[in-house]
Amino acid sequence: MKVGKVVEVRSHDEYLCSAEHTGIYGCFVRAGDTIGIVIDIYHPEPELVKYIGDISRTDGELYLPDTFESHPIAKILVVGDSSGYVNISIPEIGDEVFMLSDDEIKRFHMSEGEFTIPYYLKIVEKLERPSALPLLTTLLKNLREIFPEKERFLDLLETNIEYGYRIQGMK
């Protein structure tokens, strides 16, 4: 399923996508060979709207439809590519972004026949403590559906994450 198009490349491991859907938080996506995870979705307010004043939204949409029509933006963290985790390529502006299929997610998480989550620490390090917890919980829920045989391991990992954040919050 098509998610949207790359609109900005922020760094070697983060880009923005103009999304056609909003229910993609925590999903795995692909832009070319680059595999990433949607770590945030937001609706930007067009810059011009700040300067228009008290014009009603209805009038604005009538006379300036492109200004008032905004698409959600998905912030994507690059976690690897289709050939593995080392040779990470960067998407280009305009590249189409697609949701990974369950089979693609399975292939991405298998290394030499073993289940792996190589991007786990990257998420913890990249995101601030409070915002990483809901993302990791969503990711683990999605992985449980795709890897039911790993449910016990994923439950243990989630419990460990929640405990760590609870202890961190007490300090």
Foldseek 3Di string as FASTA:
>chain_A
DWFAFWAADDDLWKTKGQGPDDPQALFWKDFPFWIWGFLDKDWDQQPVVVVPPPDDLVVCCVPPVVNSDTGIMTMITTQDGQVARPPHDTHDGGGIMGTDDLVSVVSHQADPNDGHDRCLVVLPVVDDLVSSLVSLVSNLVVVCVSCVVCNVVSVVVNVVSVVVSVVVVVD
